């Protein structure tokens, strides 16, 4: 009886060792939003560029579907946007490229459910050139600094690569932790302006408990 019992214990122990996946020292397990439990989307060093940022092709594979669903919701002003928001950090709104921890407004997941119904005025930052406060309701801010163009249908799309080229500090990869940044870039709105009216929208995602969540919405355009 004791011999049989020891054999059973040994068999179970071997099975457990085989079942436990090995994760190397330099590998970070990261899952997409649609990943089911047990599906491993680990990133190795080869998935990162020289700056330690997730490579464009890898970022696209991870986030393309989620980003598409979100940009559709943003275009439609759908409250489902809140489902994509980081449950702890919320989402930070940046009106002009450079992310500011001091002045950028953060809305939490619950705030985003009533974002378009909120009639309160907020100071979102300062207008480029004149320096006046950007004092707008969320809906007004949406029109000027979120979906200011038809980004879903007319934009070039970049994954962890900066498509727009302005004169402001590009610091999103410094502020956000191991992010995936999806940029929707329109190089020219009106040909009469010779490309000086370019605009872009960036959606910033961070991994949270196996899912990629929205932590930042960055507006970018030509600035003085």
Foldseek 3Di string as FASTA:
>chain_A
DVVVVVVVVVVVVVVVVVPDDDDDPQKDFAAAAPDDPPDTPIDHPVQADPVRAGDFVSQCVRCVVVVLVLLVCLVVVNLCNLVQADQPQAAWEAQAQDDDPPQTDGDHSVCSSCQVVFQAWDFHAADFPPGHTPTGRSVVCSCRRFPVDVLSPAFDKTWPDDDDDEDDDRCPPPPDDNKIKIKTKDQDDDVVVVSQFIKMWIWIWDTDPNYTHTHYIGIHHYGD
